[in-house]
Amino acid sequence: MSTILWALDIGSVYGILALFTNLLAKEERKVVAPLTLARYRRERNLELIAATAFFISAIPLFWRPASRFYFWIAPFIVRRGAWLLSRIGPGLRIGLRPHL
């Protein structure tokens, strides 16, 4: 029972974060650079995916600990991968070397 509540709690946290990120992207549209808005939208989408994964893991079908673990670890891996990709320059993402 406690793992179900934990999944619902973390899913709610990610949902609230997605809501705040969405509000930030809409409110700051005229003030913030377009690239920053694109980053906010990506963050919002990742937070919605994470919230959905945690809510799905609370369904009784996923009460086996092994399957629930995969639902819980996936959003963290995706967010860390997105963070790493954001640190890599755009040229490196498409296989080009930066000019030194």
Protein backbone atom coordinates (compact mmCIF):
# COMPACT_ATOMS: atom_id res chain seq x y z
CA MET A 1 0.00 0.00 0.00
CA SER A 2 2.80 2.42 0.80
CA THR A 3 4.37 1.97 -2.64
CA ILE A 4 1.06 2.88 -4.28
CA LEU A 5 0.85 6.06 -2.22
CA TRP A 6 4.47 6.87 -3.02
CA ALA A 7 3.81 6.45 -6.76
CA LEU A 8 0.75 8.69 -6.54
CA ASP A 9 2.68 11.26 -4.50
CA ILE A 10 5.63 11.45 -6.88
CA GLY A 11 3.27 11.44 -9.88
CA SER A 12 1.44 14.39 -8.34
CA VAL A 13 4.70 16.24 -7.76
CA TYR A 14 5.72 15.79 -11.39
CA GLY A 15 2.25 16.85 -12.51
CA ILE A 16 2.47 20.05 -10.45
CA LEU A 17 5.95 20.73 -11.82
CA ALA A 18 4.59 20.31 -15.36
CA LEU A 19 1.77 22.73 -14.57
CA PHE A 20 4.18 25.36 -13.22
CA THR A 21 6.55 24.92 -16.16
CA ASN A 22 3.61 25.32 -18.55
CA LEU A 23 2.52 28.51 -16.79
CA LEU A 24 6.07 29.84 -16.90
CA ALA A 25 6.36 29.14 -20.63
CA LYS A 26 3.04 30.86 -21.35
CA GLU A 27 3.58 33.89 -19.10
CA GLU A 28 7.14 34.60 -20.21
CA ARG A 29 6.53 34.14 -23.94
CA LYS A 30 7.17 37.83 -24.72
CA VAL A 31 10.09 38.24 -22.34
CA VAL A 32 12.18 35.09 -22.77
CA ALA A 33 14.19 34.03 -25.83
CA PRO A 34 12.59 31.38 -28.10
CA LEU A 35 15.31 28.83 -27.29
CA THR A 36 14.55 29.15 -23.61
CA LEU A 37 10.85 28.66 -24.31
CA ALA A 38 11.67 25.52 -26.26
CA ARG A 39 13.62 24.25 -23.24
CA TYR A 40 10.65 24.99 -20.96
CA ARG A 41 8.36 23.06 -23.28
CA ARG A 42 10.74 20.09 -23.33
CA GLU A 43 10.92 20.16 -19.53
CA ARG A 44 7.12 20.28 -19.33
CA ASN A 45 6.78 17.29 -21.65
CA LEU A 46 9.34 15.27 -19.69
CA GLU A 47 7.57 16.09 -16.44
CA LEU A 48 4.23 14.98 -17.91
CA ILE A 49 5.80 11.71 -19.08
CA ALA A 50 7.27 11.15 -15.63
CA ALA A 51 3.94 11.89 -13.92
CA THR A 52 2.17 9.49 -16.28
CA ALA A 53 4.72 6.74 -15.60
CA PHE A 54 4.25 7.08 -11.85
CA PHE A 55 0.45 7.12 -12.12
CA ILE A 56 0.51 4.04 -14.35
CA SER A 57 2.72 2.22 -11.84
CA ALA A 58 -0.02 2.63 -9.21
CA ILE A 59 -2.39 0.44 -11.29
CA PRO A 60 -2.79 -3.03 -9.72
CA LEU A 61 -1.42 -4.68 -12.87
CA PHE A 62 2.03 -3.33 -11.92
CA TRP A 63 2.04 -4.39 -8.27
CA ARG A 64 4.95 -6.74 -8.85
CA PRO A 65 8.03 -4.94 -7.54
CA ALA A 66 10.19 -5.64 -10.61
CA SER A 67 7.78 -4.09 -13.12
CA ARG A 68 7.09 -1.16 -10.84
CA PHE A 69 10.82 -0.51 -10.50
CA TYR A 70 11.16 -0.09 -14.28
CA PHE A 71 8.34 2.46 -14.32
CA TRP A 72 9.97 4.36 -11.47
CA ILE A 73 13.50 4.40 -12.83
CA ALA A 74 12.59 5.28 -16.45
CA PRO A 75 11.67 8.97 -15.81
CA PHE A 76 14.92 9.55 -13.95
CA ILE A 77 16.95 8.00 -16.76
CA VAL A 78 15.08 10.03 -19.38
CA ARG A 79 15.50 13.27 -17.45
CA ARG A 80 19.22 12.63 -16.89
CA GLY A 81 19.65 11.82 -20.59
CA ALA A 82 17.85 15.03 -21.55
CA TRP A 83 20.07 16.96 -19.14
CA LEU A 84 23.20 15.44 -20.66
CA LEU A 85 22.00 16.20 -24.19
CA SER A 86 21.31 19.80 -23.21
CA ARG A 87 24.92 20.13 -22.03
CA ILE A 88 26.29 18.88 -25.34
CA GLY A 89 26.49 21.56 -27.99
CA PRO A 90 24.18 21.37 -31.01
CA GLY A 91 27.12 20.61 -33.32
CA LEU A 92 28.15 17.59 -31.29
CA ARG A 93 24.63 16.18 -31.36
CA ILE A 94 24.69 15.84 -35.13
CA GLY A 95 28.24 14.53 -35.24
CA LEU A 96 30.10 17.74 -36.07
CA ARG A 97 33.13 18.90 -34.17
CA PRO A 98 33.08 22.39 -32.66
CA HIS A 99 35.42 24.96 -34.16
CA LEU A 100 38.27 25.69 -31.80
